[in-house]
């Protein structure tokens, strides 16, 4: 789960103003992006991703494999960029704990 970003409003209450995705959420989105571009073929019995990898093993110069591999590498690079940007955002925030009855709510506030 990612991190909700809170800001103190004029009424003295904290409200959510942003959300920073966790690395796991970014990974899931990256995987979903690849699966959306290369969905499994109905009735083939073999996931398209596996088919593309087999093509690449037997013929690394195959244009369909090269396109697939380039797309996957771009998705991974985009995911790594998103993770770095999220980490940079989190580094600029201050963590504050507030009493909340029996629990303590951890929030992040923009300075």
N, C-alpha and C. Protein backbone atom coordinates (compact mmCIF):
# COMPACT_ATOMS: atom_id res chain seq x y z
N UNK A 1 0.84 -1.17 0.00
CA UNK A 1 0.00 0.00 0.00
C UNK A 1 0.89 1.23 0.00
N UNK A 2 0.48 2.22 -0.73
CA UNK A 2 1.24 3.45 -0.85
C UNK A 2 1.05 4.36 0.36
N UNK A 3 1.35 5.62 0.16
CA UNK A 3 1.31 6.59 1.24
C UNK A 3 0.37 7.73 0.90
N UNK A 4 -0.60 7.97 1.78
CA UNK A 4 -1.45 9.13 1.64
C UNK A 4 -0.69 10.36 2.12
N UNK A 5 -0.79 11.45 1.38
CA UNK A 5 -0.16 12.71 1.76
C UNK A 5 -1.26 13.62 2.29
N UNK A 6 -1.07 14.09 3.51
CA UNK A 6 -2.06 14.93 4.17
C UNK A 6 -1.55 16.36 4.28
N UNK A 7 -2.51 17.28 4.34
CA UNK A 7 -2.19 18.68 4.55
C UNK A 7 -3.19 19.24 5.55
N UNK A 8 -2.72 20.08 6.45
CA UNK A 8 -3.60 20.70 7.44
C UNK A 8 -4.41 21.77 6.73
N UNK A 9 -5.76 21.66 6.78
CA UNK A 9 -6.60 22.67 6.12
C UNK A 9 -6.91 23.81 7.08
N UNK A 10 -7.62 24.81 6.58
CA UNK A 10 -7.90 26.00 7.37
C UNK A 10 -8.77 25.71 8.59
N UNK A 11 -9.52 24.60 8.57
CA UNK A 11 -10.35 24.22 9.71
C UNK A 11 -9.60 23.45 10.78
N UNK A 12 -8.29 23.25 10.59
CA UNK A 12 -7.49 22.53 11.56
C UNK A 12 -7.54 21.02 11.41
N UNK A 13 -8.10 20.55 10.32
CA UNK A 13 -8.18 19.12 10.06
C UNK A 13 -7.22 18.74 8.94
N UNK A 14 -6.79 17.49 8.97
CA UNK A 14 -5.91 17.00 7.91
C UNK A 14 -6.75 16.41 6.79
N UNK A 15 -6.42 16.75 5.57
CA UNK A 15 -7.11 16.19 4.42
C UNK A 15 -6.09 15.60 3.47
N UNK A 16 -6.50 14.55 2.77
CA UNK A 16 -5.62 13.91 1.79
C UNK A 16 -5.49 14.82 0.58
N UNK A 17 -4.25 15.11 0.19
CA UNK A 17 -4.00 15.96 -0.97
C UNK A 17 -3.24 15.23 -2.07
N UNK A 18 -2.70 14.06 -1.75
CA UNK A 18 -1.92 13.33 -2.76
C UNK A 18 -1.77 11.89 -2.29
N UNK A 19 -1.28 11.06 -3.19
CA UNK A 19 -1.03 9.66 -2.88
C UNK A 19 0.23 9.25 -3.62
N UNK A 20 1.13 8.60 -2.92
CA UNK A 20 2.37 8.11 -3.53
C UNK A 20 2.30 6.58 -3.53
N UNK A 21 2.42 6.02 -4.72
CA UNK A 21 2.32 4.56 -4.86
C UNK A 21 3.54 3.87 -4.27
N UNK A 22 3.30 2.69 -3.72
CA UNK A 22 4.39 1.86 -3.21
C UNK A 22 5.12 1.22 -4.38
N UNK A 23 6.31 0.70 -4.12
CA UNK A 23 7.06 -0.01 -5.16
C UNK A 23 6.26 -1.21 -5.68
N UNK A 24 5.55 -1.90 -4.79
CA UNK A 24 4.73 -3.05 -5.20
C UNK A 24 3.62 -2.62 -6.16
N UNK A 25 3.00 -1.48 -5.89
CA UNK A 25 1.95 -0.98 -6.77
C UNK A 25 2.51 -0.63 -8.15
N UNK A 26 3.69 -0.01 -8.16
CA UNK A 26 4.34 0.32 -9.43
C UNK A 26 4.67 -0.96 -10.19
N UNK A 27 5.18 -1.98 -9.48
CA UNK A 27 5.49 -3.27 -10.12
C UNK A 27 4.23 -3.90 -10.74
N UNK A 28 3.14 -3.87 -10.00
CA UNK A 28 1.88 -4.44 -10.51
C UNK A 28 1.39 -3.70 -11.74
N UNK A 29 1.53 -2.37 -11.74
CA UNK A 29 1.13 -1.58 -12.91
C UNK A 29 2.02 -1.89 -14.11
N UNK A 30 3.31 -2.07 -13.85
CA UNK A 30 4.25 -2.40 -14.92
C UNK A 30 3.88 -3.74 -15.54
N UNK A 31 3.61 -4.73 -14.71
CA UNK A 31 3.21 -6.05 -15.19
C UNK A 31 1.91 -5.96 -15.98
N UNK A 32 0.95 -5.20 -15.45
CA UNK A 32 -0.35 -5.06 -16.13
C UNK A 32 -0.19 -4.37 -17.48
N UNK A 33 0.72 -3.44 -17.57
CA UNK A 33 0.98 -2.74 -18.85
C UNK A 33 1.50 -3.72 -19.91
N UNK A 34 2.40 -4.60 -19.50
CA UNK A 34 2.93 -5.60 -20.43
C UNK A 34 1.81 -6.58 -20.83
N UNK A 35 1.04 -7.05 -19.85
CA UNK A 35 -0.05 -8.00 -20.13
C UNK A 35 -1.11 -7.39 -21.03
N UNK A 36 -1.36 -6.08 -20.89
CA UNK A 36 -2.35 -5.41 -21.74
C UNK A 36 -1.87 -5.33 -23.18
N UNK A 37 -0.58 -5.10 -23.35
CA UNK A 37 -0.02 -5.00 -24.70
C UNK A 37 0.18 -6.37 -25.34
N UNK A 38 0.43 -7.38 -24.51
CA UNK A 38 0.68 -8.74 -24.99
C UNK A 38 -0.22 -9.72 -24.24
N UNK A 39 -1.53 -9.65 -24.50
CA UNK A 39 -2.46 -10.54 -23.78
C UNK A 39 -2.30 -11.99 -24.26
N UNK A 40 -2.73 -12.90 -23.40
CA UNK A 40 -2.70 -14.32 -23.76
C UNK A 40 -3.67 -14.57 -24.91
N UNK A 41 -3.29 -15.46 -25.79
CA UNK A 41 -4.15 -15.82 -26.91
C UNK A 41 -5.14 -16.87 -26.43
N UNK A 42 -6.45 -16.61 -26.57
CA UNK A 42 -7.45 -17.59 -26.11
C UNK A 42 -7.25 -18.95 -26.77
N UNK A 43 -7.29 -19.98 -25.96
CA UNK A 43 -7.21 -21.34 -26.46
C UNK A 43 -5.83 -21.81 -26.87
N UNK A 44 -4.82 -20.96 -26.72
CA UNK A 44 -3.48 -21.38 -27.16
C UNK A 44 -2.82 -22.30 -26.14
N UNK A 45 -3.23 -22.20 -24.89
CA UNK A 45 -2.63 -23.03 -23.85
C UNK A 45 -1.28 -22.53 -23.37
N UNK A 46 -0.75 -21.51 -24.00
CA UNK A 46 0.55 -20.98 -23.64
C UNK A 46 0.46 -19.46 -23.52
N UNK A 47 0.81 -18.90 -22.38
CA UNK A 47 0.77 -17.44 -22.26
C UNK A 47 1.64 -16.79 -23.35
N UNK A 48 1.17 -15.68 -23.89
CA UNK A 48 1.89 -15.01 -24.96
C UNK A 48 3.30 -14.61 -24.52
N UNK A 49 3.44 -14.23 -23.26
CA UNK A 49 4.77 -13.88 -22.76
C UNK A 49 5.74 -15.06 -22.91
N UNK A 50 5.29 -16.25 -22.57
CA UNK A 50 6.14 -17.44 -22.72
C UNK A 50 6.45 -17.70 -24.19
N UNK A 51 5.46 -17.51 -25.04
CA UNK A 51 5.68 -17.71 -26.47
C UNK A 51 6.75 -16.74 -26.98
N UNK A 52 6.67 -15.48 -26.57
CA UNK A 52 7.65 -14.49 -27.01
C UNK A 52 9.05 -14.85 -26.50
N UNK A 53 9.14 -15.31 -25.27
CA UNK A 53 10.45 -15.69 -24.72
C UNK A 53 11.02 -16.90 -25.46
N UNK A 54 10.17 -17.86 -25.81
CA UNK A 54 10.65 -19.02 -26.58
C UNK A 54 11.16 -18.59 -27.95
N UNK A 55 10.44 -17.66 -28.56
CA UNK A 55 10.90 -17.14 -29.86
C UNK A 55 12.27 -16.50 -29.69
N UNK A 56 12.44 -15.72 -28.62
CA UNK A 56 13.71 -15.05 -28.37
C UNK A 56 14.85 -16.00 -28.10
N UNK A 57 14.56 -17.11 -27.46
CA UNK A 57 15.60 -18.11 -27.18
C UNK A 57 16.03 -18.79 -28.48
N UNK A 58 15.05 -19.13 -29.31
CA UNK A 58 15.39 -19.84 -30.55
C UNK A 58 15.89 -18.90 -31.64
N UNK A 59 15.40 -17.65 -31.63
CA UNK A 59 15.82 -16.70 -32.66
C UNK A 59 15.83 -15.28 -32.08
N UNK A 60 16.92 -14.89 -31.43
CA UNK A 60 16.99 -13.57 -30.80
C UNK A 60 16.85 -12.41 -31.78
N UNK A 61 16.99 -12.67 -33.08
CA UNK A 61 16.88 -11.61 -34.09
C UNK A 61 15.45 -11.47 -34.64
N UNK A 62 14.53 -12.30 -34.16
CA UNK A 62 13.14 -12.24 -34.61
C UNK A 62 12.56 -10.86 -34.28
N UNK A 63 11.96 -10.21 -35.27
CA UNK A 63 11.46 -8.84 -35.07
C UNK A 63 10.34 -8.75 -34.03
N UNK A 64 9.49 -9.79 -33.96
CA UNK A 64 8.42 -9.75 -32.95
C UNK A 64 9.00 -9.87 -31.55
N UNK A 65 10.04 -10.68 -31.39
CA UNK A 65 10.69 -10.79 -30.08
C UNK A 65 11.40 -9.49 -29.73
N UNK A 66 12.09 -8.91 -30.69
CA UNK A 66 12.81 -7.65 -30.43
C UNK A 66 11.83 -6.56 -30.00
N UNK A 67 10.69 -6.47 -30.68
CA UNK A 67 9.67 -5.47 -30.31
C UNK A 67 9.14 -5.73 -28.90
N UNK A 68 8.86 -7.00 -28.61
CA UNK A 68 8.39 -7.37 -27.27
C UNK A 68 9.43 -7.03 -26.21
N UNK A 69 10.66 -7.42 -26.46
CA UNK A 69 11.72 -7.20 -25.49
C UNK A 69 11.95 -5.71 -25.25
N UNK A 70 11.94 -4.92 -26.32
CA UNK A 70 12.11 -3.47 -26.19
C UNK A 70 10.97 -2.87 -25.37
N UNK A 71 9.74 -3.34 -25.62
CA UNK A 71 8.59 -2.84 -24.89
C UNK A 71 8.70 -3.17 -23.40
N UNK A 72 9.05 -4.41 -23.09
CA UNK A 72 9.20 -4.83 -21.70
C UNK A 72 10.31 -4.01 -21.01
N UNK A 73 11.42 -3.82 -21.69
CA UNK A 73 12.51 -3.04 -21.10
C UNK A 73 12.09 -1.59 -20.87
N UNK A 74 11.30 -1.02 -21.78
CA UNK A 74 10.81 0.34 -21.59
C UNK A 74 9.85 0.41 -20.39
N UNK A 75 8.99 -0.59 -20.27
CA UNK A 75 8.07 -0.64 -19.12
C UNK A 75 8.86 -0.72 -17.81
N UNK A 76 9.89 -1.56 -17.79
CA UNK A 76 10.73 -1.68 -16.59
C UNK A 76 11.42 -0.36 -16.27
N UNK A 77 11.93 0.30 -17.29
CA UNK A 77 12.61 1.58 -17.09
C UNK A 77 11.62 2.63 -16.57
N UNK A 78 10.42 2.64 -17.13
CA UNK A 78 9.39 3.58 -16.65
C UNK A 78 9.04 3.30 -15.19
N UNK A 79 8.95 2.01 -14.84
CA UNK A 79 8.67 1.64 -13.45
C UNK A 79 9.78 2.09 -12.52
N UNK A 80 11.02 1.89 -12.93
CA UNK A 80 12.17 2.32 -12.10
C UNK A 80 12.17 3.84 -11.93
N UNK A 81 11.82 4.56 -12.99
CA UNK A 81 11.75 6.02 -12.91
C UNK A 81 10.64 6.45 -11.95
N UNK A 82 9.50 5.79 -12.02
CA UNK A 82 8.39 6.11 -11.12
C UNK A 82 8.76 5.84 -9.67
N UNK A 83 9.44 4.73 -9.42
CA UNK A 83 9.87 4.41 -8.06
C UNK A 83 10.84 5.46 -7.53
N UNK A 84 11.78 5.88 -8.36
CA UNK A 84 12.76 6.90 -7.94
C UNK A 84 12.06 8.23 -7.66
N UNK A 85 11.10 8.60 -8.51
CA UNK A 85 10.35 9.85 -8.30
C UNK A 85 9.54 9.78 -7.00
N UNK A 86 8.93 8.63 -6.75
CA UNK A 86 8.15 8.46 -5.51
C UNK A 86 9.05 8.55 -4.29
N UNK A 87 10.22 7.93 -4.35
CA UNK A 87 11.17 7.99 -3.23
C UNK A 87 11.62 9.43 -2.99
N UNK A 88 11.85 10.16 -4.07
CA UNK A 88 12.27 11.57 -3.94
C UNK A 88 11.16 12.41 -3.30
N UNK A 89 9.90 12.14 -3.68
CA UNK A 89 8.78 12.86 -3.07
C UNK A 89 8.71 12.56 -1.57
N UNK A 90 8.83 11.27 -1.22
CA UNK A 90 8.76 10.89 0.20
C UNK A 90 9.88 11.52 1.01
N UNK A 91 11.05 11.67 0.40
CA UNK A 91 12.19 12.25 1.11
C UNK A 91 11.97 13.71 1.46
N UNK A 92 11.08 14.38 0.74
CA UNK A 92 10.80 15.80 0.98
C UNK A 92 9.69 16.03 2.01
N UNK A 93 9.12 14.94 2.51
CA UNK A 93 8.00 15.05 3.43
C UNK A 93 8.43 14.78 4.85
N UNK A 94 7.66 15.31 5.77
CA UNK A 94 7.93 15.11 7.19
C UNK A 94 6.89 14.15 7.76
N UNK A 95 7.35 13.15 8.49
CA UNK A 95 6.44 12.19 9.09
C UNK A 95 6.03 12.70 10.46
N UNK A 96 4.71 12.66 10.72
CA UNK A 96 4.16 13.16 11.97
C UNK A 96 3.21 12.10 12.52
N UNK A 97 3.29 11.82 13.81
CA UNK A 97 2.35 10.89 14.44
C UNK A 97 1.39 11.68 15.32
N UNK A 98 0.11 11.37 15.18
CA UNK A 98 -0.92 12.04 15.97
C UNK A 98 -1.70 11.00 16.76
N UNK A 99 -2.09 11.31 18.00
CA UNK A 99 -2.91 10.36 18.75
C UNK A 99 -4.29 10.23 18.11
N UNK A 100 -4.79 9.02 18.05
CA UNK A 100 -6.09 8.77 17.44
C UNK A 100 -6.81 7.71 18.27
N UNK A 101 -7.24 8.11 19.46
CA UNK A 101 -7.88 7.16 20.36
C UNK A 101 -6.88 6.10 20.78
N UNK A 102 -7.22 4.84 20.53
CA UNK A 102 -6.34 3.72 20.90
C UNK A 102 -5.23 3.51 19.87
N UNK A 103 -5.36 4.15 18.73
CA UNK A 103 -4.36 3.96 17.68
C UNK A 103 -3.56 5.25 17.49
N UNK A 104 -2.51 5.13 16.74
CA UNK A 104 -1.79 6.32 16.33
C UNK A 104 -1.80 6.35 14.81
N UNK A 105 -2.15 7.47 14.27
CA UNK A 105 -2.22 7.62 12.83
C UNK A 105 -0.94 8.28 12.35
N UNK A 106 -0.27 7.65 11.45
CA UNK A 106 0.95 8.21 10.89
C UNK A 106 0.60 8.92 9.59
N UNK A 107 0.95 10.17 9.52
CA UNK A 107 0.64 10.94 8.32
C UNK A 107 1.92 11.63 7.84
N UNK A 108 1.88 12.08 6.63
CA UNK A 108 2.98 12.83 6.06
C UNK A 108 2.44 14.21 5.70
N UNK A 109 3.22 15.22 6.03
CA UNK A 109 2.79 16.59 5.81
C UNK A 109 3.83 17.29 4.95
N UNK A 110 3.36 18.03 3.94
CA UNK A 110 4.29 18.85 3.15
C UNK A 110 4.73 20.02 4.01
N UNK A 111 6.02 20.32 3.98
CA UNK A 111 6.54 21.45 4.78
C UNK A 111 6.32 22.73 4.03
